[in-house]
Amino acid sequence: MPRKRLVRKHQVRATLNVVELTKAGTSLELQVFADREKIGSLSIGRGSLTWRGGKRQKAKRLSWSEFAQHMDSWTYTR
């Protein structure tokens, strides 16, 4: 019996600005796509992370403590 072909909906492309993330001003940039359309980008740095929606002008910056609070409330209150 032939196997079903897995169709991937999401794709993530990564750009690493500097190999060592311990220095200020360095980050890991992730571009997130769904069905070949960009749905946003996530910049991960030493002090914070920033999310920008696919067609948005503004980005939302969160410190790691704020991010942890959001994830805890989202994950454990459902």
C-alpha atoms as a PDB file:
ATOM      1  CA  MET A   1       0.000   0.000   0.000  1.00  0.00           C
ATOM      2  CA  PRO A   2       1.511   3.398  -0.965  1.00  0.00           C
ATOM      3  CA  ARG A   3       2.286   5.841   1.813  1.00  0.00           C
ATOM      4  CA  LYS A   4       0.570   9.195   2.037  1.00  0.00           C
ATOM      5  CA  ARG A   5       2.824  12.097   1.208  1.00  0.00           C
ATOM      6  CA  LEU A   6       3.230  14.483   4.127  1.00  0.00           C
ATOM      7  CA  VAL A   7       2.394  18.045   3.156  1.00  0.00           C
ATOM      8  CA  ARG A   8       4.126  20.576   5.373  1.00  0.00           C
ATOM      9  CA  LYS A   9       2.164  23.697   6.117  1.00  0.00           C
ATOM     10  CA  HIS A  10       4.831  25.650   8.009  1.00  0.00           C
ATOM     11  CA  GLN A  11       8.376  26.607   7.118  1.00  0.00           C
ATOM     12  CA  VAL A  12      10.924  28.485   9.233  1.00  0.00           C
ATOM     13  CA  ARG A  13      14.047  30.198   7.913  1.00  0.00           C
ATOM     14  CA  ALA A  14      16.789  31.209  10.335  1.00  0.00           C
ATOM     15  CA  THR A  15      19.453  33.903  10.185  1.00  0.00           C
ATOM     16  CA  LEU A  16      22.126  34.055  12.865  1.00  0.00           C
ATOM     17  CA  ASN A  17      23.714  37.514  13.015  1.00  0.00           C
ATOM     18  CA  VAL A  18      26.593  36.549  15.327  1.00  0.00           C
ATOM     19  CA  VAL A  19      27.611  33.077  16.418  1.00  0.00           C
ATOM     20  CA  GLU A  20      28.008  34.109  20.069  1.00  0.00           C
ATOM     21  CA  LEU A  21      24.684  35.335  21.521  1.00  0.00           C
ATOM     22  CA  THR A  22      26.308  36.529  24.745  1.00  0.00           C
ATOM     23  CA  LYS A  23      27.284  39.853  23.178  1.00  0.00           C
ATOM     24  CA  ALA A  24      24.858  42.794  23.136  1.00  0.00           C
ATOM     25  CA  GLY A  25      23.251  43.530  19.791  1.00  0.00           C
ATOM     26  CA  THR A  26      23.310  39.965  18.525  1.00  0.00           C
ATOM     27  CA  SER A  27      20.226  37.958  17.667  1.00  0.00           C
ATOM     28  CA  LEU A  28      18.720  34.971  15.938  1.00  0.00           C
ATOM     29  CA  GLU A  29      16.128  35.956  13.341  1.00  0.00           C
ATOM     30  CA  LEU A  30      13.406  33.433  12.453  1.00  0.00           C
ATOM     31  CA  GLN A  31      11.067  34.065   9.525  1.00  0.00           C
ATOM     32  CA  VAL A  32       7.888  31.979   9.797  1.00  0.00           C
ATOM     33  CA  PHE A  33       5.810  30.972   6.772  1.00  0.00           C
ATOM     34  CA  ALA A  34       2.478  29.148   6.413  1.00  0.00           C
ATOM     35  CA  ASP A  35       1.447  27.912   2.982  1.00  0.00           C
ATOM     36  CA  ARG A  36       4.374  29.882   1.491  1.00  0.00           C
ATOM     37  CA  GLU A  37       3.095  33.183   2.896  1.00  0.00           C
ATOM     38  CA  LYS A  38       5.092  34.979   5.579  1.00  0.00           C
ATOM     39  CA  ILE A  39       3.096  35.083   8.812  1.00  0.00           C
ATOM     40  CA  GLY A  40       5.750  36.818  10.899  1.00  0.00           C
ATOM     41  CA  SER A  41       9.296  37.071  12.139  1.00  0.00           C
ATOM     42  CA  LEU A  42      10.744  36.393  15.562  1.00  0.00           C
ATOM     43  CA  SER A  43      13.997  37.982  16.685  1.00  0.00           C
ATOM     44  CA  ILE A  44      15.579  36.265  19.686  1.00  0.00           C
ATOM     45  CA  GLY A  45      18.290  38.119  21.541  1.00  0.00           C
ATOM     46  CA  ARG A  46      20.085  38.054  24.834  1.00  0.00           C
ATOM     47  CA  GLY A  47      17.730  40.436  26.654  1.00  0.00           C
ATOM     48  CA  SER A  48      14.425  40.012  24.865  1.00  0.00           C
ATOM     49  CA  LEU A  49      12.486  38.646  21.940  1.00  0.00           C
ATOM     50  CA  THR A  50      10.542  40.586  19.328  1.00  0.00           C
ATOM     51  CA  TRP A  51       7.580  39.409  17.220  1.00  0.00           C
ATOM     52  CA  ARG A  52       6.480  41.183  14.058  1.00  0.00           C
ATOM     53  CA  GLY A  53       3.388  39.943  12.238  1.00  0.00           C
ATOM     54  CA  GLY A  54       3.691  39.223   8.523  1.00  0.00           C
ATOM     55  CA  LYS A  55       2.271  42.501   7.209  1.00  0.00           C
ATOM     56  CA  ARG A  56       2.562  44.638  10.331  1.00  0.00           C
ATOM     57  CA  GLN A  57       4.545  47.846  10.690  1.00  0.00           C
ATOM     58  CA  LYS A  58       5.096  47.603  14.455  1.00  0.00           C
ATOM     59  CA  ALA A  59       6.844  44.870  16.390  1.00  0.00           C
ATOM     60  CA  LYS A  60       6.068  43.685  19.928  1.00  0.00           C
ATOM     61  CA  ARG A  61       9.092  43.400  22.236  1.00  0.00           C
ATOM     62  CA  LEU A  62       9.005  41.222  25.354  1.00  0.00           C
ATOM     63  CA  SER A  63      11.647  40.687  27.974  1.00  0.00           C
ATOM     64  CA  TRP A  64      12.350  37.071  28.828  1.00  0.00           C
ATOM     65  CA  SER A  65      10.492  37.496  32.156  1.00  0.00           C
ATOM     66  CA  GLU A  66       7.412  38.886  30.373  1.00  0.00           C
ATOM     67  CA  PHE A  67       7.573  36.067  27.837  1.00  0.00           C
ATOM     68  CA  ALA A  68       7.753  33.461  30.620  1.00  0.00           C
ATOM     69  CA  GLN A  69       4.720  35.002  32.353  1.00  0.00           C
ATOM     70  CA  HIS A  70       2.720  34.986  29.109  1.00  0.00           C
ATOM     71  CA  MET A  71       3.647  31.393  28.334  1.00  0.00           C
ATOM     72  CA  ASP A  72       2.885  30.205  31.876  1.00  0.00           C
ATOM     73  CA  SER A  73      -0.531  31.852  31.879  1.00  0.00           C
ATOM     74  CA  TRP A  74      -1.348  30.594  28.388  1.00  0.00           C
ATOM     75  CA  THR A  75      -0.068  27.072  29.008  1.00  0.00           C
ATOM     76  CA  TYR A  76      -1.259  26.337  32.532  1.00  0.00           C
ATOM     77  CA  THR A  77      -4.610  28.147  32.697  1.00  0.00           C
ATOM     78  CA  ARG A  78      -6.268  26.255  29.853  1.00  0.00           C
END
